[in-house]
Amino acid sequence: MTWVPSRDRVIDGPVRVTTAMACVSFAGWAALAASADLGVTRTNTWVLWVLAGVAIVLALAAATAPSTFEGRGAVAFVVVADVAIAVGLSAVSDETLSIVGCSLFMFVGAFAALLVGRAAILAHVAISSACLVVVAAAAHPGGRTTILLSLATWLALGVPVAVRALWRDLRPRAQLAFTDPLTGAANRAGLERNFVSLRALAHRRGLAVAVVIADIDRFKSVNDVHGHAIGDAVIGEAARILFHHFGAGATVARHGGEEFTVLVAGHPGDLRYRVASLPTATQGEQGPQVTMSVGAAWCRVDVESTDCLWRAVGTADAAMYEAKAHGGNSCVSRL
């Protein structure tokens, strides 16, 4: 349950700001220490300048290419940021500046809470905790130091935990706006949202994207004869076939009573095989056995618009109706 650039548009802004603030804050802190000649040695001062420069580069990347911080890139950023802060703390000779530097872990923790898994978060907490212990051990006793360290500890450790807990509560609620409650498939809004990221991935990796339309044949008779409860079970079984056949990387959406749209990326030959081998009949596990009419078409990935998605849907839909006109239980592919 992590953020994906451009898919979770509601939090795109906060995530970008958090990432950029983490980089800019660290760059400012390192530059302040270096310009005030607060490095332990002359070499340490140069190290602080280098760290400030790297942080500025990462801030620019966060602002212009947020997909850099997706998946493994997010984990790499957390590791690099934690190590950079730890190195910066070891290079600074001023006690107060070291304590302030510990609070920089807050930004990294907030980023980690949104974008990486539990293992990476635990690693971040371990590194930031170790740094806080080292800084606290080196600090002079006194009320001011105690207050500053307490504040730094709360910022570095409390904020990530709070953000993670809030995110775990909000994400499922936000997900409901993009999901069909009966089948767990995406709805129309979810289809568009997933297409944006799938198109970017396919364009970046040189993959093709296929749009597949599957419509249950003569579904009205199922409802008329067996009732709507059985009809819902039949729809659910059809959805499971599509989920299982196309795999976790595909998007299965329901945007009609008994009609599904599948978005899947891959190499053209592999996609043709997967579409051709799609089962067009259910097993009848929770209701009568039904068949599906299937149509498929290519979708362009070199256009920054969802218009190409709906054009491809129209082409695949026409192919599906051609299959239906031939009696159903078949696939007409434009791939």
C-alpha atoms as a PDB file:
ATOM      1  CA  MET A   1       0.000   0.000   0.000  1.00  0.00           C
ATOM      2  CA  THR A   2       2.404   2.669  -1.209  1.00  0.00           C
ATOM      3  CA  TRP A   3       1.981   5.772  -3.295  1.00  0.00           C
ATOM      4  CA  VAL A   4       2.480   5.519  -7.046  1.00  0.00           C
ATOM      5  CA  PRO A   5       3.294   8.750  -8.907  1.00  0.00           C
ATOM      6  CA  SER A   6       0.397  10.097 -10.994  1.00  0.00           C
ATOM      7  CA  ARG A   7      -1.927   7.286  -9.907  1.00  0.00           C
ATOM      8  CA  ASP A   8      -2.687   8.715  -6.466  1.00  0.00           C
ATOM      9  CA  ARG A   9      -3.190  12.261  -7.689  1.00  0.00           C
ATOM     10  CA  VAL A  10      -4.742  13.491  -4.445  1.00  0.00           C
ATOM     11  CA  ILE A  11      -1.462  13.015  -2.568  1.00  0.00           C
ATOM     12  CA  ASP A  12       0.915  13.691  -5.454  1.00  0.00           C
ATOM     13  CA  GLY A  13       1.500  17.221  -4.176  1.00  0.00           C
ATOM     14  CA  PRO A  14       2.195  16.323  -0.519  1.00  0.00           C
ATOM     15  CA  VAL A  15       4.558  13.523  -1.546  1.00  0.00           C
ATOM     16  CA  ARG A  16       6.524  15.761  -3.903  1.00  0.00           C
ATOM     17  CA  VAL A  17       6.716  18.485  -1.244  1.00  0.00           C
ATOM     18  CA  THR A  18       7.860  16.005   1.409  1.00  0.00           C
ATOM     19  CA  THR A  19      10.579  14.659  -0.880  1.00  0.00           C
ATOM     20  CA  ALA A  20      11.775  18.091  -1.961  1.00  0.00           C
ATOM     21  CA  MET A  21      11.694  19.446   1.615  1.00  0.00           C
ATOM     22  CA  ALA A  22      13.783  16.530   2.837  1.00  0.00           C
ATOM     23  CA  CYS A  23      16.434  17.329   0.217  1.00  0.00           C
ATOM     24  CA  VAL A  24      16.341  21.121   0.517  1.00  0.00           C
ATOM     25  CA  SER A  25      16.372  21.045   4.330  1.00  0.00           C
ATOM     26  CA  PHE A  26      19.381  18.738   4.382  1.00  0.00           C
ATOM     27  CA  ALA A  27      21.150  20.833   1.725  1.00  0.00           C
ATOM     28  CA  GLY A  28      20.567  23.994   3.776  1.00  0.00           C
ATOM     29  CA  TRP A  29      21.748  22.355   6.974  1.00  0.00           C
ATOM     30  CA  ALA A  30      24.911  20.962   5.356  1.00  0.00           C
ATOM     31  CA  ALA A  31      25.675  24.245   3.579  1.00  0.00           C
ATOM     32  CA  LEU A  32      25.216  26.181   6.840  1.00  0.00           C
ATOM     33  CA  ALA A  33      27.614  23.901   8.668  1.00  0.00           C
ATOM     34  CA  ALA A  34      30.172  24.041   5.842  1.00  0.00           C
ATOM     35  CA  SER A  35      30.010  27.822   5.338  1.00  0.00           C
ATOM     36  CA  ALA A  36      30.410  28.399   9.095  1.00  0.00           C
ATOM     37  CA  ASP A  37      33.437  26.073   9.044  1.00  0.00           C
ATOM     38  CA  LEU A  38      31.801  23.793  11.613  1.00  0.00           C
ATOM     39  CA  GLY A  39      33.253  20.595  10.193  1.00  0.00           C
ATOM     40  CA  VAL A  40      35.367  18.497  12.527  1.00  0.00           C
ATOM     41  CA  THR A  41      38.219  18.755  10.006  1.00  0.00           C
ATOM     42  CA  ARG A  42      38.798  20.584   6.718  1.00  0.00           C
ATOM     43  CA  THR A  43      37.996  17.343   4.882  1.00  0.00           C
ATOM     44  CA  ASN A  44      34.709  17.096   6.758  1.00  0.00           C
ATOM     45  CA  THR A  45      33.810  20.604   5.613  1.00  0.00           C
ATOM     46  CA  TRP A  46      34.293  19.572   1.984  1.00  0.00           C
ATOM     47  CA  VAL A  47      32.217  16.462   2.626  1.00  0.00           C
ATOM     48  CA  LEU A  48      29.381  18.702   3.860  1.00  0.00           C
ATOM     49  CA  TRP A  49      29.568  20.790   0.652  1.00  0.00           C
ATOM     50  CA  VAL A  50      29.386  17.631  -1.454  1.00  0.00           C
ATOM     51  CA  LEU A  51      26.382  16.351   0.525  1.00  0.00           C
ATOM     52  CA  ALA A  52      24.628  19.700   0.044  1.00  0.00           C
ATOM     53  CA  GLY A  53      25.182  19.483  -3.720  1.00  0.00           C
ATOM     54  CA  VAL A  54      23.843  15.928  -3.928  1.00  0.00           C
ATOM     55  CA  ALA A  55      20.770  16.948  -1.932  1.00  0.00           C
ATOM     56  CA  ILE A  56      20.022  19.797  -4.361  1.00  0.00           C
ATOM     57  CA  VAL A  57      20.242  17.399  -7.314  1.00  0.00           C
ATOM     58  CA  LEU A  58      17.793  15.026  -5.595  1.00  0.00           C
ATOM     59  CA  ALA A  59      15.438  17.919  -4.830  1.00  0.00           C
ATOM     60  CA  LEU A  60      15.357  18.842  -8.527  1.00  0.00           C
ATOM     61  CA  ALA A  61      14.686  15.197  -9.435  1.00  0.00           C
ATOM     62  CA  ALA A  62      11.811  15.074  -6.948  1.00  0.00           C
ATOM     63  CA  ALA A  63      10.257  18.175  -8.500  1.00  0.00           C
ATOM     64  CA  THR A  64      10.691  17.196 -12.167  1.00  0.00           C
ATOM     65  CA  ALA A  65      10.712  13.383 -12.261  1.00  0.00           C
ATOM     66  CA  PRO A  66       8.769  11.947  -9.288  1.00  0.00           C
ATOM     67  CA  SER A  67       8.704   8.476 -10.864  1.00  0.00           C
ATOM     68  CA  THR A  68      12.409   8.275  -9.929  1.00  0.00           C
ATOM     69  CA  PHE A  69      11.247   7.685  -6.356  1.00  0.00           C
ATOM     70  CA  GLU A  70       8.859   4.835  -7.156  1.00  0.00           C
ATOM     71  CA  GLY A  71       9.457   1.224  -6.073  1.00  0.00           C
ATOM     72  CA  ARG A  72      13.156   0.439  -5.657  1.00  0.00           C
ATOM     73  CA  GLY A  73      13.962   4.087  -6.269  1.00  0.00           C
ATOM     74  CA  ALA A  74      12.011   4.980  -3.115  1.00  0.00           C
ATOM     75  CA  VAL A  75      13.928   2.437  -1.032  1.00  0.00           C
ATOM     76  CA  ALA A  76      17.229   3.671  -2.485  1.00  0.00           C
ATOM     77  CA  PHE A  77      16.313   7.251  -1.612  1.00  0.00           C
ATOM     78  CA  VAL A  78      15.538   6.344   2.018  1.00  0.00           C
ATOM     79  CA  VAL A  79      18.855   4.491   2.347  1.00  0.00           C
ATOM     80  CA  VAL A  80      20.882   7.266   0.691  1.00  0.00           C
ATOM     81  CA  ALA A  81      19.157   9.986   2.732  1.00  0.00           C
ATOM     82  CA  ASP A  82      19.667   8.168   6.051  1.00  0.00           C
ATOM     83  CA  VAL A  83      23.330   7.467   5.303  1.00  0.00           C
ATOM     84  CA  ALA A  84      23.893  11.060   4.134  1.00  0.00           C
ATOM     85  CA  ILE A  85      22.387  12.475   7.335  1.00  0.00           C
ATOM     86  CA  ALA A  86      24.459  10.079   9.454  1.00  0.00           C
ATOM     87  CA  VAL A  87      27.646  11.091   7.593  1.00  0.00           C
ATOM     88  CA  GLY A  88      26.726  14.769   7.950  1.00  0.00           C
ATOM     89  CA  LEU A  89      26.167  14.388  11.704  1.00  0.00           C
ATOM     90  CA  SER A  90      29.554  12.728  12.118  1.00  0.00           C
ATOM     91  CA  ALA A  91      31.218  15.572  10.174  1.00  0.00           C
ATOM     92  CA  VAL A  92      29.771  18.418  12.308  1.00  0.00           C
ATOM     93  CA  SER A  93      31.520  19.631  15.451  1.00  0.00           C
ATOM     94  CA  ASP A  94      28.754  21.870  16.812  1.00  0.00           C
ATOM     95  CA  GLU A  95      26.444  20.200  19.371  1.00  0.00           C
ATOM     96  CA  THR A  96      23.352  22.294  18.676  1.00  0.00           C
ATOM     97  CA  LEU A  97      23.706  21.871  14.920  1.00  0.00           C
ATOM     98  CA  SER A  98      24.022  18.107  15.396  1.00  0.00           C
ATOM     99  CA  ILE A  99      20.792  18.036  17.385  1.00  0.00           C
ATOM    100  CA  VAL A 100      19.021  20.093  14.728  1.00  0.00           C
ATOM    101  CA  GLY A 101      20.413  17.710  12.109  1.00  0.00           C
ATOM    102  CA  CYS A 102      18.747  14.789  13.853  1.00  0.00           C
ATOM    103  CA  SER A 103      15.353  16.330  13.125  1.00  0.00           C
ATOM    104  CA  LEU A 104      16.076  15.913   9.409  1.00  0.00           C
ATOM    105  CA  PHE A 105      15.223  12.251   9.875  1.00  0.00           C
ATOM    106  CA  MET A 106      11.612  13.466  10.214  1.00  0.00           C
ATOM    107  CA  PHE A 107      11.347  14.213   6.487  1.00  0.00           C
ATOM    108  CA  VAL A 108      12.913  10.920   5.503  1.00  0.00           C
ATOM    109  CA  GLY A 109      10.591   9.105   7.884  1.00  0.00           C
ATOM    110  CA  ALA A 110       7.501  10.797   6.453  1.00  0.00           C
ATOM    111  CA  PHE A 111       8.669   9.875   2.937  1.00  0.00           C
ATOM    112  CA  ALA A 112       9.329   6.276   4.017  1.00  0.00           C
ATOM    113  CA  ALA A 113       5.921   6.004   5.668  1.00  0.00           C
ATOM    114  CA  LEU A 114       4.254   6.757   2.328  1.00  0.00           C
ATOM    115  CA  LEU A 115       6.485   5.051  -0.192  1.00  0.00           C
ATOM    116  CA  VAL A 116       8.316   2.004   1.161  1.00  0.00           C
ATOM    117  CA  GLY A 117       7.558  -1.252   2.924  1.00  0.00           C
ATOM    118  CA  ARG A 118       7.827  -2.238   6.555  1.00  0.00           C
ATOM    119  CA  ALA A 119      11.410  -3.534   6.336  1.00  0.00           C
ATOM    120  CA  ALA A 120      12.722  -0.248   4.933  1.00  0.00           C
ATOM    121  CA  ILE A 121      10.832   1.735   7.579  1.00  0.00           C
ATOM    122  CA  LEU A 122      12.314  -0.409  10.354  1.00  0.00           C
ATOM    123  CA  ALA A 123      15.789   0.118   8.864  1.00  0.00           C
ATOM    124  CA  HIS A 124      15.180   3.871   8.839  1.00  0.00           C
ATOM    125  CA  VAL A 125      14.038   3.841  12.476  1.00  0.00           C
ATOM    126  CA  ALA A 126      17.127   1.803  13.457  1.00  0.00           C
ATOM    127  CA  ILE A 127      19.539   4.198  11.715  1.00  0.00           C
ATOM    128  CA  SER A 128      17.875   7.350  13.034  1.00  0.00           C
ATOM    129  CA  SER A 129      17.671   5.898  16.557  1.00  0.00           C
ATOM    130  CA  ALA A 130      21.362   4.995  16.506  1.00  0.00           C
ATOM    131  CA  CYS A 131      22.265   8.514  15.379  1.00  0.00           C
ATOM    132  CA  LEU A 132      20.136  10.035  18.142  1.00  0.00           C
ATOM    133  CA  VAL A 133      21.835   7.835  20.750  1.00  0.00           C
ATOM    134  CA  VAL A 134      25.297   8.849  19.499  1.00  0.00           C
ATOM    135  CA  VAL A 135      24.407  12.562  19.496  1.00  0.00           C
ATOM    136  CA  ALA A 136      22.832  12.297  22.940  1.00  0.00           C
ATOM    137  CA  ALA A 137      25.898  10.530  24.339  1.00  0.00           C
ATOM    138  CA  ALA A 138      28.161  13.294  23.042  1.00  0.00           C
ATOM    139  CA  ALA A 139      25.926  16.155  24.257  1.00  0.00           C
ATOM    140  CA  HIS A 140      26.642  18.099  27.434  1.00  0.00           C
ATOM    141  CA  PRO A 141      24.072  17.595  30.213  1.00  0.00           C
ATOM    142  CA  GLY A 142      21.597  20.429  30.666  1.00  0.00           C
ATOM    143  CA  GLY A 143      17.962  21.364  30.339  1.00  0.00           C
ATOM    144  CA  ARG A 144      18.386  22.972  26.922  1.00  0.00           C
ATOM    145  CA  THR A 145      20.104  19.912  25.506  1.00  0.00           C
ATOM    146  CA  THR A 146      17.467  17.608  26.967  1.00  0.00           C
ATOM    147  CA  ILE A 147      14.634  19.630  25.421  1.00  0.00           C
ATOM    148  CA  LEU A 148      16.310  19.777  22.020  1.00  0.00           C
ATOM    149  CA  LEU A 149      17.050  16.048  22.005  1.00  0.00           C
ATOM    150  CA  SER A 150      13.501  15.214  23.079  1.00  0.00           C
ATOM    151  CA  LEU A 151      12.163  17.354  20.251  1.00  0.00           C
ATOM    152  CA  ALA A 152      14.542  15.776  17.744  1.00  0.00           C
ATOM    153  CA  THR A 153      13.560  12.290  18.927  1.00  0.00           C
ATOM    154  CA  TRP A 154       9.857  13.030  18.485  1.00  0.00           C
ATOM    155  CA  LEU A 155      10.390  14.529  15.035  1.00  0.00           C
ATOM    156  CA  ALA A 156      12.640  11.715  13.835  1.00  0.00           C
ATOM    157  CA  LEU A 157      10.645   8.784  15.204  1.00  0.00           C
ATOM    158  CA  GLY A 158       7.150   9.986  16.097  1.00  0.00           C
ATOM    159  CA  VAL A 159       6.295  11.646  12.792  1.00  0.00           C
ATOM    160  CA  PRO A 160       6.979   8.560  10.600  1.00  0.00           C
ATOM    161  CA  VAL A 161       4.891   6.367  12.906  1.00  0.00           C
ATOM    162  CA  ALA A 162       2.027   8.899  12.904  1.00  0.00           C
ATOM    163  CA  VAL A 163       2.130   9.306   9.114  1.00  0.00           C
ATOM    164  CA  ARG A 164       2.185   5.539   8.579  1.00  0.00           C
ATOM    165  CA  ALA A 165      -0.797   5.013  10.873  1.00  0.00           C
ATOM    166  CA  LEU A 166      -2.762   7.792   9.159  1.00  0.00           C
ATOM    167  CA  TRP A 167      -1.904   6.435   5.707  1.00  0.00           C
ATOM    168  CA  ARG A 168      -3.000   2.899   6.616  1.00  0.00           C
ATOM    169  CA  ASP A 169      -6.379   4.330   7.620  1.00  0.00           C
ATOM    170  CA  LEU A 170      -6.888   6.701   4.681  1.00  0.00           C
ATOM    171  CA  ARG A 171      -5.623   4.550   1.789  1.00  0.00           C
ATOM    172  CA  PRO A 172      -8.403   1.911   1.926  1.00  0.00           C
ATOM    173  CA  ARG A 173     -11.018   4.666   2.023  1.00  0.00           C
ATOM    174  CA  ALA A 174      -9.494   6.416  -0.967  1.00  0.00           C
ATOM    175  CA  GLN A 175      -9.254   3.100  -2.809  1.00  0.00           C
ATOM    176  CA  LEU A 176     -13.026   2.642  -2.611  1.00  0.00           C
ATOM    177  CA  ALA A 177     -13.471   5.530  -5.044  1.00  0.00           C
ATOM    178  CA  PHE A 178     -11.647   3.510  -7.727  1.00  0.00           C
ATOM    179  CA  THR A 179     -13.008  -0.001  -7.066  1.00  0.00           C
ATOM    180  CA  ASP A 180     -16.108  -1.960  -8.008  1.00  0.00           C
ATOM    181  CA  PRO A 181     -17.449  -3.324  -4.678  1.00  0.00           C
ATOM    182  CA  LEU A 182     -18.926  -6.516  -6.176  1.00  0.00           C
ATOM    183  CA  THR A 183     -15.832  -7.895  -7.925  1.00  0.00           C
ATOM    184  CA  GLY A 184     -12.888  -5.943  -6.494  1.00  0.00           C
ATOM    185  CA  ALA A 185     -12.064  -4.858 -10.042  1.00  0.00           C
ATOM    186  CA  ALA A 186     -11.412  -1.225 -10.888  1.00  0.00           C
ATOM    187  CA  ASN A 187     -14.266   1.040 -11.910  1.00  0.00           C
ATOM    188  CA  ARG A 188     -14.091   3.607 -14.738  1.00  0.00           C
ATOM    189  CA  ALA A 189     -12.142   6.093 -12.597  1.00  0.00           C
ATOM    190  CA  GLY A 190      -9.768   3.332 -11.494  1.00  0.00           C
ATOM    191  CA  LEU A 191      -9.266   2.248 -15.106  1.00  0.00           C
ATOM    192  CA  GLU A 192      -8.201   5.761 -16.129  1.00  0.00           C
ATOM    193  CA  ARG A 193      -5.966   6.140 -13.076  1.00  0.00           C
ATOM    194  CA  ASN A 194      -4.174   2.854 -13.678  1.00  0.00           C
ATOM    195  CA  PHE A 195      -3.809   3.558 -17.387  1.00  0.00           C
ATOM    196  CA  VAL A 196      -1.746   6.690 -16.696  1.00  0.00           C
ATOM    197  CA  SER A 197       0.925   4.766 -14.794  1.00  0.00           C
ATOM    198  CA  LEU A 198       0.759   1.703 -17.074  1.00  0.00           C
ATOM    199  CA  ARG A 199       1.246   3.888 -20.161  1.00  0.00           C
ATOM    200  CA  ALA A 200       4.278   5.584 -18.577  1.00  0.00           C
ATOM    201  CA  LEU A 201       5.769   2.209 -17.599  1.00  0.00           C
ATOM    202  CA  ALA A 202       5.190   0.725 -21.057  1.00  0.00           C
ATOM    203  CA  HIS A 203       6.631   3.786 -22.815  1.00  0.00           C
ATOM    204  CA  ARG A 204       9.699   3.740 -20.559  1.00  0.00           C
ATOM    205  CA  ARG A 205      10.368   0.013 -21.087  1.00  0.00           C
ATOM    206  CA  GLY A 206       9.372  -0.233 -24.752  1.00  0.00           C
ATOM    207  CA  LEU A 207       6.336  -2.453 -24.104  1.00  0.00           C
ATOM    208  CA  ALA A 208       3.000  -2.635 -25.901  1.00  0.00           C
ATOM    209  CA  VAL A 209      -0.372  -2.199 -24.180  1.00  0.00           C
ATOM    210  CA  ALA A 210      -3.423  -4.237 -25.103  1.00  0.00           C
ATOM    211  CA  VAL A 211      -7.034  -3.406 -24.250  1.00  0.00           C
ATOM    212  CA  VAL A 212      -9.307  -6.442 -23.872  1.00  0.00           C
ATOM    213  CA  ILE A 213     -13.104  -6.218 -23.625  1.00  0.00           C
ATOM    214  CA  ALA A 214     -14.986  -9.240 -22.252  1.00  0.00           C
ATOM    215  CA  ASP A 215     -18.789  -9.338 -22.119  1.00  0.00           C
ATOM    216  CA  ILE A 216     -20.857 -12.189 -20.679  1.00  0.00           C
ATOM    217  CA  ASP A 217     -23.130 -13.684 -23.335  1.00  0.00           C
ATOM    218  CA  ARG A 218     -26.890 -13.656 -22.780  1.00  0.00           C
ATOM    219  CA  PHE A 219     -26.481 -12.468 -19.208  1.00  0.00           C
ATOM    220  CA  LYS A 220     -30.035 -11.098 -18.954  1.00  0.00           C
ATOM    221  CA  SER A 221     -31.395 -14.634 -19.072  1.00  0.00           C
ATOM    222  CA  VAL A 222     -29.231 -15.570 -16.064  1.00  0.00           C
ATOM    223  CA  ASN A 223     -30.865 -12.840 -13.981  1.00  0.00           C
ATOM    224  CA  ASP A 224     -34.325 -13.655 -15.305  1.00  0.00           C
ATOM    225  CA  VAL A 225     -34.076 -17.396 -14.601  1.00  0.00           C
ATOM    226  CA  HIS A 226     -31.831 -17.575 -11.524  1.00  0.00           C
ATOM    227  CA  GLY A 227     -32.192 -14.182  -9.849  1.00  0.00           C
ATOM    228  CA  HIS A 228     -29.823 -11.301  -9.241  1.00  0.00           C
ATOM    229  CA  ALA A 229     -27.890 -13.006  -6.440  1.00  0.00           C
ATOM    230  CA  ILE A 230     -26.816 -15.800  -8.791  1.00  0.00           C
ATOM    231  CA  GLY A 231     -26.214 -13.191 -11.476  1.00  0.00           C
ATOM    232  CA  ASP A 232     -23.797 -11.386  -9.152  1.00  0.00           C
ATOM    233  CA  ALA A 233     -22.017 -14.686  -8.434  1.00  0.00           C
ATOM    234  CA  VAL A 234     -21.619 -15.316 -12.177  1.00  0.00           C
ATOM    235  CA  ILE A 235     -20.143 -11.832 -12.654  1.00  0.00           C
ATOM    236  CA  GLY A 236     -17.731 -12.495  -9.791  1.00  0.00           C
ATOM    237  CA  GLU A 237     -16.613 -15.784 -11.355  1.00  0.00           C
ATOM    238  CA  ALA A 238     -15.979 -14.083 -14.709  1.00  0.00           C
ATOM    239  CA  ALA A 239     -13.904 -11.423 -12.944  1.00  0.00           C
ATOM    240  CA  ARG A 240     -11.808 -14.085 -11.213  1.00  0.00           C
ATOM    241  CA  ILE A 241     -11.049 -15.734 -14.562  1.00  0.00           C
ATOM    242  CA  LEU A 242      -9.742 -12.430 -15.921  1.00  0.00           C
ATOM    243  CA  PHE A 243      -7.712 -11.676 -12.787  1.00  0.00           C
ATOM    244  CA  HIS A 244      -6.148 -15.137 -12.797  1.00  0.00           C
ATOM    245  CA  HIS A 245      -5.420 -15.267 -16.518  1.00  0.00           C
ATOM    246  CA  PHE A 246      -3.842 -11.835 -16.960  1.00  0.00           C
ATOM    247  CA  GLY A 247      -2.018 -11.719 -13.640  1.00  0.00           C
ATOM    248  CA  ALA A 248      -1.178  -9.107 -11.026  1.00  0.00           C
ATOM    249  CA  GLY A 249       0.394  -6.648 -13.462  1.00  0.00           C
ATOM    250  CA  ALA A 250      -2.846  -6.176 -15.408  1.00  0.00           C
ATOM    251  CA  THR A 251      -5.790  -3.923 -14.580  1.00  0.00           C
ATOM    252  CA  VAL A 252      -9.215  -5.561 -14.659  1.00  0.00           C
ATOM    253  CA  ALA A 253     -12.093  -3.077 -14.631  1.00  0.00           C
ATOM    254  CA  ARG A 254     -15.848  -3.476 -14.603  1.00  0.00           C
ATOM    255  CA  HIS A 255     -17.622  -0.581 -16.256  1.00  0.00           C
ATOM    256  CA  GLY A 256     -20.954  -2.058 -17.198  1.00  0.00           C
ATOM    257  CA  GLY A 257     -23.271  -4.652 -15.707  1.00  0.00           C
ATOM    258  CA  GLU A 258     -21.570  -7.680 -17.257  1.00  0.00           C
ATOM    259  CA  GLU A 259     -18.760  -6.067 -19.249  1.00  0.00           C
ATOM    260  CA  PHE A 260     -15.093  -5.967 -18.264  1.00  0.00           C
ATOM    261  CA  THR A 261     -12.090  -4.099 -19.621  1.00  0.00           C
ATOM    262  CA  VAL A 262      -8.548  -5.389 -19.134  1.00  0.00           C
ATOM    263  CA  LEU A 263      -5.380  -3.322 -19.550  1.00  0.00           C
ATOM    264  CA  VAL A 264      -2.193  -5.331 -19.862  1.00  0.00           C
ATOM    265  CA  ALA A 265       1.362  -4.439 -20.901  1.00  0.00           C
ATOM    266  CA  GLY A 266       3.975  -6.755 -22.394  1.00  0.00           C
ATOM    267  CA  HIS A 267       5.770  -7.768 -25.548  1.00  0.00           C
ATOM    268  CA  PRO A 268       3.447  -7.986 -28.579  1.00  0.00           C
ATOM    269  CA  GLY A 269       3.899 -11.714 -29.171  1.00  0.00           C
ATOM    270  CA  ASP A 270       3.254 -12.536 -25.521  1.00  0.00           C
ATOM    271  CA  LEU A 271       0.135 -10.352 -25.444  1.00  0.00           C
ATOM    272  CA  ARG A 272      -1.288 -11.997 -28.568  1.00  0.00           C
ATOM    273  CA  TYR A 273      -0.804 -15.425 -26.960  1.00  0.00           C
ATOM    274  CA  ARG A 274      -2.370 -14.369 -23.666  1.00  0.00           C
ATOM    275  CA  VAL A 275      -5.438 -12.944 -25.387  1.00  0.00           C
ATOM    276  CA  ALA A 276      -5.831 -15.964 -27.687  1.00  0.00           C
ATOM    277  CA  SER A 277      -5.568 -18.376 -24.731  1.00  0.00           C
ATOM    278  CA  LEU A 278      -8.125 -16.588 -22.559  1.00  0.00           C
ATOM    279  CA  PRO A 279     -10.863 -19.031 -21.440  1.00  0.00           C
ATOM    280  CA  THR A 280     -14.216 -17.771 -22.731  1.00  0.00           C
ATOM    281  CA  ALA A 281     -16.389 -20.056 -20.589  1.00  0.00           C
ATOM    282  CA  THR A 282     -16.785 -20.172 -16.813  1.00  0.00           C
ATOM    283  CA  GLN A 283     -16.795 -23.370 -14.764  1.00  0.00           C
ATOM    284  CA  GLY A 284     -20.244 -22.674 -13.333  1.00  0.00           C
ATOM    285  CA  GLU A 285     -19.002 -23.017  -9.761  1.00  0.00           C
ATOM    286  CA  GLN A 286     -21.523 -20.614  -8.202  1.00  0.00           C
ATOM    287  CA  GLY A 287     -24.215 -20.545 -10.866  1.00  0.00           C
ATOM    288  CA  PRO A 288     -24.897 -21.628 -14.424  1.00  0.00           C
ATOM    289  CA  GLN A 289     -21.978 -21.918 -16.806  1.00  0.00           C
ATOM    290  CA  VAL A 290     -21.784 -18.883 -19.071  1.00  0.00           C
ATOM    291  CA  THR A 291     -19.616 -17.838 -21.995  1.00  0.00           C
ATOM    292  CA  MET A 292     -17.969 -14.547 -22.891  1.00  0.00           C
ATOM    293  CA  SER A 293     -17.446 -12.603 -26.102  1.00  0.00           C
ATOM    294  CA  VAL A 294     -14.002 -11.027 -26.219  1.00  0.00           C
ATOM    295  CA  GLY A 295     -12.458  -8.262 -28.321  1.00  0.00           C
ATOM    296  CA  ALA A 296      -8.893  -6.939 -28.179  1.00  0.00           C
ATOM    297  CA  ALA A 297      -6.984  -3.988 -29.644  1.00  0.00           C
ATOM    298  CA  TRP A 298      -3.681  -2.157 -29.236  1.00  0.00           C
ATOM    299  CA  CYS A 299      -3.502   1.068 -27.269  1.00  0.00           C
ATOM    300  CA  ARG A 300      -0.969   3.778 -28.045  1.00  0.00           C
ATOM    301  CA  VAL A 301       1.445   4.663 -25.239  1.00  0.00           C
ATOM    302  CA  ASP A 302       3.211   7.621 -26.850  1.00  0.00           C
ATOM    303  CA  VAL A 303       0.394  10.138 -26.266  1.00  0.00           C
ATOM    304  CA  GLU A 304       0.003  12.105 -23.024  1.00  0.00           C
ATOM    305  CA  SER A 305      -3.777  11.751 -22.906  1.00  0.00           C
ATOM    306  CA  THR A 306      -6.420   9.237 -21.887  1.00  0.00           C
ATOM    307  CA  ASP A 307      -8.148   9.800 -25.242  1.00  0.00           C
ATOM    308  CA  CYS A 308      -6.023   7.031 -26.750  1.00  0.00           C
ATOM    309  CA  LEU A 309      -7.345   4.667 -24.053  1.00  0.00           C
ATOM    310  CA  TRP A 310     -10.969   5.299 -24.983  1.00  0.00           C
ATOM    311  CA  ARG A 311     -10.224   5.023 -28.706  1.00  0.00           C
ATOM    312  CA  ALA A 312      -8.657   1.629 -28.042  1.00  0.00           C
ATOM    313  CA  VAL A 313     -11.637   0.658 -25.884  1.00  0.00           C
ATOM    314  CA  GLY A 314     -13.939   1.570 -28.793  1.00  0.00           C
ATOM    315  CA  THR A 315     -11.923  -0.595 -31.206  1.00  0.00           C
ATOM    316  CA  ALA A 316     -11.860  -3.539 -28.786  1.00  0.00           C
ATOM    317  CA  ASP A 317     -15.566  -3.072 -28.077  1.00  0.00           C
ATOM    318  CA  ALA A 318     -16.369  -3.282 -31.807  1.00  0.00           C
ATOM    319  CA  ALA A 319     -14.290  -6.477 -32.023  1.00  0.00           C
ATOM    320  CA  MET A 320     -16.183  -7.889 -29.045  1.00  0.00           C
ATOM    321  CA  TYR A 321     -19.543  -7.233 -30.742  1.00  0.00           C
ATOM    322  CA  GLU A 322     -18.224  -8.978 -33.838  1.00  0.00           C
ATOM    323  CA  ALA A 323     -17.495 -12.038 -31.693  1.00  0.00           C
ATOM    324  CA  LYS A 324     -20.988 -11.763 -30.198  1.00  0.00           C
ATOM    325  CA  ALA A 325     -22.518 -11.578 -33.697  1.00  0.00           C
ATOM    326  CA  HIS A 326     -20.815 -14.892 -34.519  1.00  0.00           C
ATOM    327  CA  GLY A 327     -22.552 -16.589 -31.586  1.00  0.00           C
ATOM    328  CA  GLY A 328     -20.315 -15.550 -28.671  1.00  0.00           C
ATOM    329  CA  ASN A 329     -17.957 -17.786 -26.722  1.00  0.00           C
ATOM    330  CA  SER A 330     -15.086 -16.548 -28.890  1.00  0.00           C
ATOM    331  CA  CYS A 331     -12.455 -13.832 -29.285  1.00  0.00           C
ATOM    332  CA  VAL A 332     -11.927 -11.384 -32.133  1.00  0.00           C
ATOM    333  CA  SER A 333      -8.493  -9.815 -31.869  1.00  0.00           C
ATOM    334  CA  ARG A 334      -7.177  -6.697 -33.579  1.00  0.00           C
ATOM    335  CA  LEU A 335      -3.694  -7.333 -32.154  1.00  0.00           C
END
